[in-house]
Protein backbone atom coordinates (compact mmCIF):
# COMPACT_ATOMS: atom_id res chain seq x y z
CA UNK A 1 49.03 70.68 138.82
CA UNK A 2 49.80 73.99 137.18
CA UNK A 3 53.06 74.20 139.08
CA UNK A 4 53.99 70.76 137.81
CA UNK A 5 53.18 71.76 134.23
CA UNK A 6 55.24 74.91 134.59
CA UNK A 7 58.14 72.86 135.90
CA UNK A 8 57.89 70.48 132.95
CA UNK A 9 57.73 73.39 130.52
CA UNK A 10 60.77 74.93 132.18
CA UNK A 11 62.69 71.63 131.89
CA UNK A 12 61.66 71.26 128.24
CA UNK A 13 62.74 74.83 127.58
CA UNK A 14 66.13 74.27 129.16
CA UNK A 15 66.59 71.02 127.19
CA UNK A 16 65.64 72.77 123.95
CA UNK A 17 68.10 75.56 124.71
CA UNK A 18 70.89 73.05 125.40
CA UNK A 19 70.16 71.22 122.14
CA UNK A 20 70.14 74.50 120.22
CA UNK A 21 73.46 75.58 121.72
CA UNK A 22 74.99 72.16 121.03
CA UNK A 23 73.80 72.34 117.43
CA UNK A 24 75.38 75.76 116.97
CA UNK A 25 78.67 74.57 118.51
CA UNK A 26 78.82 71.46 116.32
CA UNK A 27 77.97 73.50 113.24
CA UNK A 28 80.69 75.99 114.12
CA UNK A 29 83.31 73.29 114.71
CA UNK A 30 82.48 71.57 111.44
CA UNK A 31 82.64 74.88 109.60
CA UNK A 32 85.92 75.91 111.21
CA UNK A 33 87.80 72.61 111.18
CA UNK A 34 88.95 71.68 107.65
CA UNK A 35 87.80 68.39 106.17
CA UNK A 36 90.37 65.59 106.27
CA UNK A 37 90.92 63.53 103.13
CA UNK A 38 92.16 59.93 103.31
CA UNK A 39 94.68 58.29 101.00
CA UNK A 40 96.42 54.92 100.78
CA UNK A 41 100.20 54.99 101.01
CA UNK A 42 102.17 53.46 98.15
CA UNK A 43 105.79 52.99 97.17
CA UNK A 44 107.19 52.58 93.68
CA UNK A 45 108.13 48.93 93.23
CA UNK A 46 110.89 47.77 90.90
CA UNK A 47 110.97 44.28 89.43
CA UNK A 48 114.45 42.86 88.80
CA UNK A 49 114.59 40.25 86.02
CA UNK A 50 117.25 37.94 84.63
CA UNK A 51 119.01 39.13 81.48
CA UNK A 52 120.74 35.84 80.63
CA UNK A 53 119.83 32.15 80.80
CA UNK A 54 121.54 30.32 83.66
CA UNK A 55 120.99 28.80 87.09
CA UNK A 56 121.14 30.73 90.36
CA UNK A 57 124.33 29.88 92.26
CA UNK A 58 124.01 32.30 95.17
CA UNK A 59 121.46 34.59 96.79
CA UNK A 60 123.04 37.45 98.73
CA UNK A 61 119.90 39.02 100.20
CA UNK A 62 116.73 38.05 102.03
CA UNK A 63 113.26 39.56 102.04
CA UNK A 64 113.23 42.68 104.19
CA UNK A 65 116.92 43.45 103.66
CA UNK A 66 117.94 47.02 102.88
CA UNK A 67 120.07 47.27 99.75
CA UNK A 68 122.07 49.95 97.98
CA UNK A 69 122.14 50.82 94.30
CA UNK A 70 124.53 48.49 92.39
CA UNK A 71 124.69 46.04 95.30
CA UNK A 72 124.79 42.41 94.12
CA UNK A 73 121.48 40.72 94.90
CA UNK A 74 122.32 37.29 93.50
CA UNK A 75 124.83 35.52 91.30
CA UNK A 76 124.10 33.32 88.31
CA UNK A 77 126.58 30.54 87.55
CA UNK A 78 126.87 31.40 83.82
CA UNK A 79 129.19 28.43 83.18
CA UNK A 80 128.55 28.46 79.43
CA UNK A 81 129.46 32.15 79.15
CA UNK A 82 132.64 31.62 81.19
CA UNK A 83 133.80 28.80 78.92
CA UNK A 84 133.01 30.89 75.85
CA UNK A 85 134.91 33.82 77.36
CA UNK A 86 138.16 31.81 77.41
CA UNK A 87 137.79 30.96 73.73
CA UNK A 88 136.88 34.51 72.75
CA UNK A 89 139.80 35.94 74.74
CA UNK A 90 142.18 33.68 72.78
CA UNK A 91 140.51 34.62 69.48
CA UNK A 92 140.79 38.30 70.33
CA UNK A 93 144.48 38.07 71.26
CA UNK A 94 145.18 36.19 68.03
CA UNK A 95 143.18 38.69 65.95
CA UNK A 96 145.01 41.57 67.62
CA UNK A 97 148.34 40.14 66.50
CA UNK A 98 147.14 39.34 62.98
CA UNK A 99 145.64 42.74 62.30
CA UNK A 100 148.83 44.41 63.53
CA UNK A 101 150.80 42.47 60.90
CA UNK A 102 148.26 43.14 58.19
CA UNK A 103 147.18 39.50 58.01
CA UNK A 104 143.54 40.21 58.99
CA UNK A 105 141.17 42.81 57.64
CA UNK A 106 139.68 45.44 59.92
CA UNK A 107 136.19 44.08 59.23
CA UNK A 108 137.20 40.58 60.39
CA UNK A 109 138.87 42.04 63.46
CA UNK A 110 135.75 44.04 64.32
CA UNK A 111 133.64 40.85 64.27
CA UNK A 112 136.00 39.13 66.75
CA UNK A 113 136.06 42.21 68.99
CA UNK A 114 132.28 42.52 68.91
CA UNK A 115 131.80 38.85 69.85
CA UNK A 116 134.12 39.28 72.83
CA UNK A 117 132.38 42.48 73.90
CA UNK A 118 128.93 40.88 73.69
CA UNK A 119 129.97 37.91 75.81
CA UNK A 120 131.73 40.13 78.36
CA UNK A 121 128.52 42.13 78.68
CA UNK A 122 126.49 38.97 79.31
CA UNK A 123 129.01 37.87 81.93
CA UNK A 124 128.54 41.18 83.73
CA UNK A 125 124.80 40.45 83.87
CA UNK A 126 125.53 37.26 85.83
CA UNK A 127 125.94 39.43 88.92
CA UNK A 128 122.37 40.65 89.35
CA UNK A 129 122.53 44.11 90.93
CA UNK A 130 120.02 46.41 92.54
CA UNK A 131 118.95 49.33 90.34
CA UNK A 132 117.90 51.42 93.36
CA UNK A 133 118.50 52.13 97.02
CA UNK A 134 115.67 50.28 98.68
CA UNK A 135 114.35 47.17 100.38
CA UNK A 136 113.85 43.61 99.14
CA UNK A 137 110.11 42.97 99.12
CA UNK A 138 109.79 39.54 97.49
CA UNK A 139 112.15 36.79 96.29
CA UNK A 140 110.59 34.87 93.43
CA UNK A 141 113.39 32.31 92.93
CA UNK A 142 115.72 30.11 94.96
CA UNK A 143 119.31 28.90 94.60
CA UNK A 144 119.59 26.14 91.99
CA UNK A 145 116.65 27.25 89.88
CA UNK A 146 117.27 27.76 86.17
CA UNK A 147 116.08 31.10 84.83
CA UNK A 148 115.57 32.44 81.33
CA UNK A 149 116.03 36.00 80.12
CA UNK A 150 113.11 38.02 81.43
CA UNK A 151 112.42 35.73 84.40
CA UNK A 152 111.33 37.68 87.49
CA UNK A 153 113.89 37.37 90.28
CA UNK A 154 113.08 39.87 93.05
CA UNK A 155 110.94 42.92 93.69
CA UNK A 156 112.32 46.01 95.41
CA UNK A 157 110.82 49.18 96.84
CA UNK A 158 112.26 52.38 98.23
CA UNK A 159 110.54 52.89 101.62
CA UNK A 160 111.78 56.49 101.73
CA UNK A 161 109.96 57.26 98.48
CA UNK A 162 106.40 56.92 99.76
CA UNK A 163 103.31 58.76 98.58
CA UNK A 164 99.51 58.75 98.53
CA UNK A 165 96.75 60.02 96.27
CA UNK A 166 93.98 62.12 97.80
CA UNK A 167 90.81 62.76 95.81
CA UNK A 168 89.33 66.23 96.17
CA UNK A 169 86.38 68.10 94.62
CA UNK A 170 86.83 70.84 92.05
CA UNK A 171 86.05 73.53 94.64
CA UNK A 172 89.19 72.55 96.56
CA UNK A 173 91.65 72.95 93.68
CA UNK A 174 92.16 76.71 93.99
CA UNK A 175 93.69 76.13 97.44
CA UNK A 176 96.27 73.60 96.22
CA UNK A 177 99.55 73.99 94.34
CA UNK A 178 102.40 71.69 93.36
CA UNK A 179 105.20 72.14 95.90
CA UNK A 180 102.78 73.06 98.68
CA UNK A 181 103.63 71.73 102.13
CA UNK A 182 100.98 69.62 103.87
CA UNK A 183 100.73 67.52 107.01
CA UNK A 184 99.62 63.88 107.03
CA UNK A 185 98.24 62.10 110.08
CA UNK A 186 98.16 58.40 110.97
CA UNK A 187 94.96 57.83 112.98
CA UNK A 188 96.15 54.37 114.10
CA UNK A 189 99.43 55.79 115.44
CA UNK A 190 97.94 58.15 118.02
CA UNK A 191 97.66 60.90 115.43
CA UNK A 192 101.39 60.98 114.63
CA UNK A 193 102.07 63.56 111.92
CA UNK A 194 104.28 63.46 108.84
CA UNK A 195 105.51 66.26 106.61
CA UNK A 196 104.47 66.03 102.98
CA UNK A 197 104.67 67.90 99.68
CA UNK A 198 102.16 68.01 96.83
CA UNK A 199 104.05 66.70 93.79
CA UNK A 200 101.21 66.32 91.29
CA UNK A 201 97.63 67.48 90.69
CA UNK A 202 95.80 65.55 88.00
CA UNK A 203 94.55 67.67 85.11
CA UNK A 204 91.40 65.64 84.48
CA UNK A 205 88.55 64.78 86.81
CA UNK A 206 87.64 61.16 87.47
CA UNK A 207 85.10 59.22 89.45
CA UNK A 208 86.12 58.53 93.04
CA UNK A 209 88.03 55.18 93.16
CA UNK A 210 86.02 52.07 94.03
CA UNK A 211 87.81 51.57 97.34
CA UNK A 212 85.80 54.51 98.73
CA UNK A 213 83.06 53.03 100.91
CA UNK A 214 79.83 54.85 99.99
CA UNK A 215 78.09 54.74 96.63
CA UNK A 216 77.36 58.47 96.88
CA UNK A 217 81.07 59.25 97.15
CA UNK A 218 81.98 56.89 94.28
CA UNK A 219 79.71 58.77 91.86
CA UNK A 220 81.38 62.14 92.50
CA UNK A 221 83.88 63.61 90.07
CA UNK A 222 87.14 64.39 91.84
CA UNK A 223 90.75 65.31 91.10
CA UNK A 224 93.70 63.20 92.22
CA UNK A 225 96.33 65.01 94.31
CA UNK A 226 99.61 63.13 94.80
CA UNK A 227 101.50 63.87 98.02
CA UNK A 228 104.97 62.58 98.83
CA UNK A 229 105.66 62.13 102.55
CA UNK A 230 108.90 62.20 104.49
CA UNK A 231 109.54 58.84 106.15
CA UNK A 232 112.85 59.13 108.05
CA UNK A 233 112.11 56.43 110.63
CA UNK A 234 110.25 54.15 108.17
CA UNK A 235 107.03 54.33 110.18
CA UNK A 236 104.98 54.74 107.02
CA UNK A 237 104.31 51.49 105.16
CA UNK A 238 102.71 50.75 101.83
CA UNK A 239 99.00 50.04 102.29
CA UNK A 240 98.52 52.25 105.36
CA UNK A 241 95.79 54.90 105.36
CA UNK A 242 96.95 58.47 105.96
CA UNK A 243 94.75 61.53 106.44
CA UNK A 244 95.35 65.17 105.54
CA UNK A 245 93.42 68.40 105.13
CA UNK A 246 95.83 69.18 102.25
CA UNK A 247 96.11 72.73 103.54
CA UNK A 248 99.13 74.52 104.98
CA UNK A 249 99.00 73.61 108.66
């Protein structure tokens, strides 16, 4: 019986020793390995709106298309402006001749020239062009629809200009600087890494955003750190979660 008790005590002792060693190892790993912060990737979206009233005669792009700055996205018919342009061109040619002969004052000539210039400018707006190099995210209109000035036409985003905010405690700030290189990791992509640069550190603390899961975390005061990531193969998409220790790695 005593032998059995000794054996049990020996087993319990070994188990306790294993647990103690495991605890020390886990504690060491947690202490050594930096904490990873999670952020949601975002891109800056640009809304393109109509600047003149007309109907859409042609759409040159589809959702998902890559576009270049100043590329024509769509064409408005602008029939009324085209008809007016013919009249204003004739008025301008006539005014040019009259002012040269002294039969029209400079003030009258300036009014004719200004009217022509204004209409020419509106005609140039009939070719709706992309303000950025980017990708077409959403088309809000279709060919044949009549639009008014200010009507939303398409939304664009530059997939190469992608960034995320990470929220860190005050104690972390002394380790971070604008321009600092960091590494981001996509857990869902087998831990694929992406090079990033800290481009902004918020000056004021705020409560952790509501999309953080636990109530305890949401009540902490943290500082937003904005990191821009390189995205050469367009793997990173808006809405993805990316992780980083925010330290030089």
